[in-house]
PDB file of all heavy atoms in Angstrom:
ATOM      1  N   ALA A   1      37.294  59.750   1.054  1.00  0.00           N
ATOM      2  CA  ALA A   1      37.393  59.044  -0.230  1.00  0.00           C
ATOM      3  C   ALA A   1      37.180  57.544  -0.049  1.00  0.00           C
ATOM      4  O   ALA A   1      37.957  56.710  -0.510  1.00  0.00           O
ATOM      5  CB  ALA A   1      38.745  59.316  -0.913  1.00  0.00           C
ATOM      6  N   MET A   2      36.069  57.203   0.617  1.00  0.00           N
ATOM      7  CA  MET A   2      35.765  55.806   0.947  1.00  0.00           C
ATOM      8  C   MET A   2      34.429  55.368   0.352  1.00  0.00           C
ATOM      9  O   MET A   2      33.697  54.587   0.960  1.00  0.00           O
ATOM     10  CB  MET A   2      35.761  55.602   2.461  1.00  0.00           C
ATOM     11  CG  MET A   2      37.117  55.777   3.130  1.00  0.00           C
ATOM     12  SD  MET A   2      37.052  55.645   4.948  1.00  0.00           S
ATOM     13  CE  MET A   2      36.647  53.906   5.161  1.00  0.00           C
ATOM     14  N   THR A   3      34.097  55.833  -0.843  1.00  0.00           N
ATOM     15  CA  THR A   3      32.775  55.534  -1.410  1.00  0.00           C
ATOM     16  C   THR A   3      32.518  54.038  -1.523  1.00  0.00           C
ATOM     17  O   THR A   3      31.428  53.556  -1.216  1.00  0.00           O
ATOM     18  CB  THR A   3      32.615  56.196  -2.789  1.00  0.00           C
ATOM     19  OG1 THR A   3      33.713  55.828  -3.622  1.00  0.00           O
ATOM     20  CG2 THR A   3      32.554  57.703  -2.675  1.00  0.00           C
ATOM     21  N   GLY A   4      33.509  53.286  -1.956  1.00  0.00           N
ATOM     22  CA  GLY A   4      33.314  51.857  -2.157  1.00  0.00           C
ATOM     23  C   GLY A   4      33.320  51.040  -0.875  1.00  0.00           C
ATOM     24  O   GLY A   4      32.924  49.861  -0.879  1.00  0.00           O
ATOM     25  N   TRP A   5      33.752  51.633   0.210  1.00  0.00           N
ATOM     26  CA  TRP A   5      33.780  50.910   1.477  1.00  0.00           C
ATOM     27  C   TRP A   5      32.376  50.765   2.065  1.00  0.00           C
ATOM     28  O   TRP A   5      32.117  49.823   2.804  1.00  0.00           O
ATOM     29  CB  TRP A   5      34.673  51.637   2.495  1.00  0.00           C
ATOM     30  CG  TRP A   5      36.109  51.702   2.155  1.00  0.00           C
ATOM     31  CD1 TRP A   5      36.688  52.445   1.160  1.00  0.00           C
ATOM     32  CD2 TRP A   5      37.177  51.014   2.801  1.00  0.00           C
ATOM     33  NE1 TRP A   5      38.053  52.272   1.157  1.00  0.00           N
ATOM     34  CE2 TRP A   5      38.380  51.394   2.151  1.00  0.00           C
ATOM     35  CE3 TRP A   5      37.237  50.135   3.876  1.00  0.00           C
ATOM     36  CZ2 TRP A   5      39.625  50.906   2.558  1.00  0.00           C
ATOM     37  CZ3 TRP A   5      38.468  49.647   4.274  1.00  0.00           C
ATOM     38  CH2 TRP A   5      39.648  50.032   3.613  1.00  0.00           C
ATOM     39  N   ARG A   6      31.499  51.705   1.773  1.00  0.00           N
ATOM     40  CA  ARG A   6      30.120  51.743   2.281  1.00  0.00           C
ATOM     41  C   ARG A   6      30.101  51.818   3.804  1.00  0.00           C
ATOM     42  O   ARG A   6      29.975  50.816   4.514  1.00  0.00           O
ATOM     43  CB  ARG A   6      29.288  50.531   1.808  1.00  0.00           C
ATOM     44  CG  ARG A   6      29.337  50.238   0.312  1.00  0.00           C
ATOM     45  CD  ARG A   6      29.150  51.476  -0.574  1.00  0.00           C
ATOM     46  NE  ARG A   6      27.901  52.174  -0.326  1.00  0.00           N
ATOM     47  CZ  ARG A   6      27.810  53.506  -0.219  1.00  0.00           C
ATOM     48  NH1 ARG A   6      28.888  54.271  -0.335  1.00  0.00           N
ATOM     49  NH2 ARG A   6      26.634  54.066  -0.021  1.00  0.00           N
ATOM     50  N   LEU A   7      30.254  53.036   4.300  1.00  0.00           N
ATOM     51  CA  LEU A   7      30.284  53.250   5.742  1.00  0.00           C
ATOM     52  C   LEU A   7      29.672  54.606   6.068  1.00  0.00           C
ATOM     53  O   LEU A   7      30.194  55.646   5.656  1.00  0.00           O
ATOM     54  CB  LEU A   7      31.727  53.180   6.270  1.00  0.00           C
ATOM     55  CG  LEU A   7      31.899  53.227   7.786  1.00  0.00           C
ATOM     56  CD1 LEU A   7      31.189  52.054   8.455  1.00  0.00           C
ATOM     57  CD2 LEU A   7      33.395  53.216   8.152  1.00  0.00           C
ATOM     58  N   GLY A   8      28.554  54.583   6.776  1.00  0.00           N
ATOM     59  CA  GLY A   8      27.878  55.811   7.173  1.00  0.00           C
ATOM     60  C   GLY A   8      27.360  55.676   8.593  1.00  0.00           C
ATOM     61  O   GLY A   8      27.522  54.639   9.246  1.00  0.00           O
ATOM     62  N   TYR A   9      26.711  56.749   9.059  1.00  0.00           N
ATOM     63  CA  TYR A   9      26.173  56.690  10.417  1.00  0.00           C
ATOM     64  C   TYR A   9      25.122  57.765  10.626  1.00  0.00           C
ATOM     65  O   TYR A   9      25.018  58.732   9.865  1.00  0.00           O
ATOM     66  CB  TYR A   9      27.281  56.846  11.460  1.00  0.00           C
ATOM     67  CG  TYR A   9      28.041  58.151  11.429  1.00  0.00           C
ATOM     68  CD1 TYR A   9      27.563  59.272  12.112  1.00  0.00           C
ATOM     69  CD2 TYR A   9      29.238  58.263  10.731  1.00  0.00           C
ATOM     70  CE1 TYR A   9      28.257  60.473  12.098  1.00  0.00           C
ATOM     71  CE2 TYR A   9      29.941  59.451  10.710  1.00  0.00           C
ATOM     72  CZ  TYR A   9      29.454  60.563  11.390  1.00  0.00           C
ATOM     73  OH  TYR A   9      30.141  61.739  11.368  1.00  0.00           O
ATOM     74  N   SER A  10      24.357  57.573  11.682  1.00  0.00           N
ATOM     75  CA  SER A  10      23.401  58.580  12.124  1.00  0.00           C
ATOM     76  C   SER A  10      23.608  58.852  13.599  1.00  0.00           C
ATOM     77  O   SER A  10      24.139  58.018  14.343  1.00  0.00           O
ATOM     78  CB  SER A  10      21.961  58.112  11.889  1.00  0.00           C
ATOM     79  OG  SER A  10      21.660  56.998  12.703  1.00  0.00           O
ATOM     80  N   VAL A  11      23.182  60.050  14.001  1.00  0.00           N
ATOM     81  CA  VAL A  11      23.053  60.399  15.414  1.00  0.00           C
ATOM     82  C   VAL A  11      21.619  60.874  15.589  1.00  0.00           C
ATOM     83  O   VAL A  11      21.159  61.777  14.885  1.00  0.00           O
ATOM     84  CB  VAL A  11      24.042  61.505  15.822  1.00  0.00           C
ATOM     85  CG1 VAL A  11      23.766  61.961  17.252  1.00  0.00           C
ATOM     86  CG2 VAL A  11      25.483  61.029  15.674  1.00  0.00           C
ATOM     87  N   ALA A  12      20.889  60.252  16.505  1.00  0.00           N
ATOM     88  CA  ALA A  12      19.472  60.549  16.678  1.00  0.00           C
ATOM     89  C   ALA A  12      19.074  60.250  18.119  1.00  0.00           C
ATOM     90  O   ALA A  12      19.834  59.614  18.862  1.00  0.00           O
ATOM     91  CB  ALA A  12      18.636  59.702  15.707  1.00  0.00           C
ATOM     92  N   PRO A  13      17.882  60.684  18.543  1.00  0.00           N
ATOM     93  CA  PRO A  13      17.396  60.291  19.871  1.00  0.00           C
ATOM     94  C   PRO A  13      17.450  58.779  20.045  1.00  0.00           C
ATOM     95  O   PRO A  13      17.223  58.026  19.088  1.00  0.00           O
ATOM     96  CB  PRO A  13      15.956  60.807  19.879  1.00  0.00           C
ATOM     97  CG  PRO A  13      15.943  61.930  18.907  1.00  0.00           C
ATOM     98  CD  PRO A  13      16.919  61.547  17.834  1.00  0.00           C
ATOM     99  N   ARG A  14      17.751  58.331  21.227  1.00  0.00           N
ATOM    100  CA  ARG A  14      18.036  56.911  21.444  1.00  0.00           C
ATOM    101  C   ARG A  14      16.885  56.005  21.013  1.00  0.00           C
ATOM    102  O   ARG A  14      17.104  54.946  20.426  1.00  0.00           O
ATOM    103  CB  ARG A  14      18.376  56.692  22.919  1.00  0.00           C
ATOM    104  CG  ARG A  14      19.096  55.400  23.206  1.00  0.00           C
ATOM    105  CD  ARG A  14      19.808  55.470  24.535  1.00  0.00           C
ATOM    106  NE  ARG A  14      20.652  56.659  24.615  1.00  0.00           N
ATOM    107  CZ  ARG A  14      21.292  57.051  25.738  1.00  0.00           C
ATOM    108  NH1 ARG A  14      21.169  56.322  26.842  1.00  0.00           N
ATOM    109  NH2 ARG A  14      22.039  58.129  25.745  1.00  0.00           N
ATOM    110  N   TRP A  15      15.647  56.423  21.273  1.00  0.00           N
ATOM    111  CA  TRP A  15      14.501  55.585  20.904  1.00  0.00           C
ATOM    112  C   TRP A  15      14.416  55.411  19.392  1.00  0.00           C
ATOM    113  O   TRP A  15      14.046  54.341  18.899  1.00  0.00           O
ATOM    114  CB  TRP A  15      13.202  56.173  21.450  1.00  0.00           C
ATOM    115  CG  TRP A  15      12.872  57.554  20.930  1.00  0.00           C
ATOM    116  CD1 TRP A  15      13.207  58.740  21.501  1.00  0.00           C
ATOM    117  CD2 TRP A  15      12.142  57.861  19.733  1.00  0.00           C
ATOM    118  NE1 TRP A  15      12.749  59.788  20.733  1.00  0.00           N
ATOM    119  CE2 TRP A  15      12.078  59.279  19.660  1.00  0.00           C
ATOM    120  CE3 TRP A  15      11.532  57.097  18.740  1.00  0.00           C
ATOM    121  CZ2 TRP A  15      11.437  59.945  18.608  1.00  0.00           C
ATOM    122  CZ3 TRP A  15      10.894  57.759  17.698  1.00  0.00           C
ATOM    123  CH2 TRP A  15      10.846  59.158  17.634  1.00  0.00           C
ATOM    124  N   LEU A  16      14.803  56.457  18.658  1.00  0.00           N
ATOM    125  CA  LEU A  16      14.766  56.380  17.199  1.00  0.00           C
ATOM    126  C   LEU A  16      15.962  55.596  16.675  1.00  0.00           C
ATOM    127  O   LEU A  16      15.844  54.815  15.716  1.00  0.00           O
ATOM    128  CB  LEU A  16      14.726  57.785  16.605  1.00  0.00           C
ATOM    129  CG  LEU A  16      14.638  57.883  15.081  1.00  0.00           C
ATOM    130  CD1 LEU A  16      13.470  57.077  14.528  1.00  0.00           C
ATOM    131  CD2 LEU A  16      14.530  59.349  14.655  1.00  0.00           C
ATOM    132  N   THR A  17      17.119  55.782  17.306  1.00  0.00           N
ATOM    133  CA  THR A  17      18.293  54.982  16.940  1.00  0.00           C
ATOM    134  C   THR A  17      17.995  53.498  17.082  1.00  0.00           C
ATOM    135  O   THR A  17      18.326  52.685  16.208  1.00  0.00           O
ATOM    136  CB  THR A  17      19.501  55.378  17.814  1.00  0.00           C
ATOM    137  OG1 THR A  17      19.871  56.728  17.519  1.00  0.00           O
ATOM    138  CG2 THR A  17      20.698  54.461  17.552  1.00  0.00           C
ATOM    139  N   ASP A  18      17.347  53.116  18.171  1.00  0.00           N
ATOM    140  CA  ASP A  18      17.012  51.711  18.385  1.00  0.00           C
ATOM    141  C   ASP A  18      16.012  51.206  17.343  1.00  0.00           C
ATOM    142  O   ASP A  18      16.111  50.063  16.877  1.00  0.00           O
ATOM    143  CB  ASP A  18      16.433  51.517  19.787  1.00  0.00           C
ATOM    144  CG  ASP A  18      17.480  51.696  20.884  1.00  0.00           C
ATOM    145  OD1 ASP A  18      18.684  51.642  20.578  1.00  0.00           O
ATOM    146  OD2 ASP A  18      17.076  51.891  22.050  1.00  0.00           O
ATOM    147  N   ALA A  19      15.055  52.054  16.965  1.00  0.00           N
ATOM    148  CA  ALA A  19      14.079  51.655  15.943  1.00  0.00           C
ATOM    149  C   ALA A  19      14.760  51.463  14.593  1.00  0.00           C
ATOM    150  O   ALA A  19      14.476  50.501  13.864  1.00  0.00           O
ATOM    151  CB  ALA A  19      12.976  52.703  15.835  1.00  0.00           C
ATOM    152  N   MET A  20      15.682  52.366  14.253  1.00  0.00           N
ATOM    153  CA  MET A  20      16.388  52.234  12.977  1.00  0.00           C
ATOM    154  C   MET A  20      17.328  51.030  12.994  1.00  0.00           C
ATOM    155  O   MET A  20      17.511  50.359  11.970  1.00  0.00           O
ATOM    156  CB  MET A  20      17.137  53.526  12.659  1.00  0.00           C
ATOM    157  CG  MET A  20      16.209  54.702  12.366  1.00  0.00           C
ATOM    158  SD  MET A  20      17.024  56.114  11.569  1.00  0.00           S
ATOM    159  CE  MET A  20      18.139  56.654  12.854  1.00  0.00           C
ATOM    160  N   ALA A  21      17.899  50.732  14.150  1.00  0.00           N
ATOM    161  CA  ALA A  21      18.727  49.529  14.267  1.00  0.00           C
ATOM    162  C   ALA A  21      17.897  48.271  14.043  1.00  0.00           C
ATOM    163  O   ALA A  21      18.383  47.276  13.475  1.00  0.00           O
ATOM    164  CB  ALA A  21      19.399  49.483  15.632  1.00  0.00           C
ATOM    165  N   GLN A  22      16.631  48.300  14.468  1.00  0.00           N
ATOM    166  CA  GLN A  22      15.741  47.173  14.220  1.00  0.00           C
ATOM    167  C   GLN A  22      15.498  46.994  12.723  1.00  0.00           C
ATOM    168  O   GLN A  22      15.465  45.861  12.216  1.00  0.00           O
ATOM    169  CB  GLN A  22      14.424  47.388  14.952  1.00  0.00           C
ATOM    170  CG  GLN A  22      13.484  46.178  14.897  1.00  0.00           C
ATOM    171  CD  GLN A  22      12.222  46.399  15.711  1.00  0.00           C
ATOM    172  OE1 GLN A  22      11.991  47.487  16.243  1.00  0.00           O
ATOM    173  NE2 GLN A  22      11.404  45.375  15.819  1.00  0.00           N
ATOM    174  N   LEU A  23      15.350  48.115  12.003  1.00  0.00           N
ATOM    175  CA  LEU A  23      15.220  48.042  10.541  1.00  0.00           C
ATOM    176  C   LEU A  23      16.495  47.474   9.927  1.00  0.00           C
ATOM    177  O   LEU A  23      16.446  46.688   8.971  1.00  0.00           O
ATOM    178  CB  LEU A  23      14.918  49.419   9.967  1.00  0.00           C
ATOM    179  CG  LEU A  23      13.492  49.940  10.194  1.00  0.00           C
ATOM    180  CD1 LEU A  23      13.388  51.418   9.845  1.00  0.00           C
ATOM    181  CD2 LEU A  23      12.494  49.130   9.359  1.00  0.00           C
ATOM    182  N   GLN A  24      17.642  47.870  10.471  1.00  0.00           N
ATOM    183  CA  GLN A  24      18.899  47.324   9.960  1.00  0.00           C
ATOM    184  C   GLN A  24      18.977  45.818  10.210  1.00  0.00           C
ATOM    185  O   GLN A  24      19.410  45.058   9.333  1.00  0.00           O
ATOM    186  CB  GLN A  24      20.090  48.034  10.600  1.00  0.00           C
ATOM    187  CG  GLN A  24      21.436  47.439  10.219  1.00  0.00           C
ATOM    188  CD  GLN A  24      22.502  48.474   9.974  1.00  0.00           C
ATOM    189  OE1 GLN A  24      22.554  49.089   8.914  1.00  0.00           O
ATOM    190  NE2 GLN A  24      23.368  48.676  10.952  1.00  0.00           N
ATOM    191  N   THR A  25      18.560  45.369  11.389  1.00  0.00           N
ATOM    192  CA  THR A  25      18.552  43.938  11.688  1.00  0.00           C
ATOM    193  C   THR A  25      17.720  43.175  10.668  1.00  0.00           C
ATOM    194  O   THR A  25      18.080  42.070  10.255  1.00  0.00           O
ATOM    195  CB  THR A  25      17.989  43.692  13.102  1.00  0.00           C
ATOM    196  OG1 THR A  25      18.790  44.376  14.060  1.00  0.00           O
ATOM    197  CG2 THR A  25      17.973  42.206  13.429  1.00  0.00           C
ATOM    198  N   ASN A  26      16.617  43.779  10.242  1.00  0.00           N
ATOM    199  CA  ASN A  26      15.719  43.131   9.293  1.00  0.00           C
ATOM    200  C   ASN A  26      16.171  43.264   7.841  1.00  0.00           C
ATOM    201  O   ASN A  26      15.554  42.653   6.958  1.00  0.00           O
ATOM    202  CB  ASN A  26      14.307  43.716   9.431  1.00  0.00           C
ATOM    203  CG  ASN A  26      13.542  43.112  10.582  1.00  0.00           C
ATOM    204  OD1 ASN A  26      12.812  42.149  10.414  1.00  0.00           O
ATOM    205  ND2 ASN A  26      13.718  43.673  11.782  1.00  0.00           N
ATOM    206  N   SER A  27      17.194  44.036   7.570  1.00  0.00           N
ATOM    207  CA  SER A  27      17.621  44.235   6.177  1.00  0.00           C
ATOM    208  C   SER A  27      19.059  43.787   5.954  1.00  0.00           C
ATOM    209  O   SER A  27      19.311  42.792   5.269  1.00  0.00           O
ATOM    210  CB  SER A  27      17.431  45.703   5.769  1.00  0.00           C
ATOM    211  OG  SER A  27      18.097  46.577   6.663  1.00  0.00           O
ATOM    212  N   THR A  28      20.020  44.479   6.551  1.00  0.00           N
ATOM    213  CA  THR A  28      21.427  44.156   6.292  1.00  0.00           C
ATOM    214  C   THR A  28      22.097  43.420   7.446  1.00  0.00           C
ATOM    215  O   THR A  28      23.256  43.030   7.329  1.00  0.00           O
ATOM    216  CB  THR A  28      22.224  45.446   6.025  1.00  0.00           C
ATOM    217  OG1 THR A  28      22.207  46.261   7.200  1.00  0.00           O
ATOM    218  CG2 THR A  28      21.630  46.223   4.861  1.00  0.00           C
ATOM    219  N   SER A  29      21.406  43.263   8.565  1.00  0.00           N
ATOM    220  CA  SER A  29      21.939  42.670   9.796  1.00  0.00           C
ATOM    221  C   SER A  29      22.911  43.622  10.494  1.00  0.00           C
ATOM    222  O   SER A  29      22.701  44.017  11.632  1.00  0.00           O
ATOM    223  CB  SER A  29      22.629  41.319   9.555  1.00  0.00           C
ATOM    224  OG  SER A  29      21.699  40.364   9.106  1.00  0.00           O
ATOM    225  N   CYS A  30      24.005  43.952   9.804  1.00  0.00           N
ATOM    226  CA  CYS A  30      25.021  44.797  10.426  1.00  0.00           C
ATOM    227  C   CYS A  30      25.952  45.321   9.340  1.00  0.00           C
ATOM    228  O   CYS A  30      25.861  44.931   8.176  1.00  0.00           O
ATOM    229  CB  CYS A  30      25.819  44.025  11.479  1.00  0.00           C
ATOM    230  SG  CYS A  30      26.672  42.574  10.817  1.00  0.00           S
ATOM    231  N   THR A  31      26.849  46.189   9.739  1.00  0.00           N
ATOM    232  CA  THR A  31      27.878  46.719   8.838  1.00  0.00           C
ATOM    233  C   THR A  31      29.142  45.889   9.008  1.00  0.00           C
ATOM    234  O   THR A  31      29.474  45.476  10.128  1.00  0.00           O
ATOM    235  CB  THR A  31      28.162  48.195   9.175  1.00  0.00           C
ATOM    236  OG1 THR A  31      26.923  48.921   9.129  1.00  0.00           O
ATOM    237  CG2 THR A  31      29.132  48.809   8.181  1.00  0.00           C
TER     238      THR A  31
END
């Protein structure tokens, strides 16, 4: 029951996790 907190995650192959983290750096920076 944490909809307003905005907290999610993914588990993926490391190379893809790093690529998605790069997209996060370019959009929200961090959580």
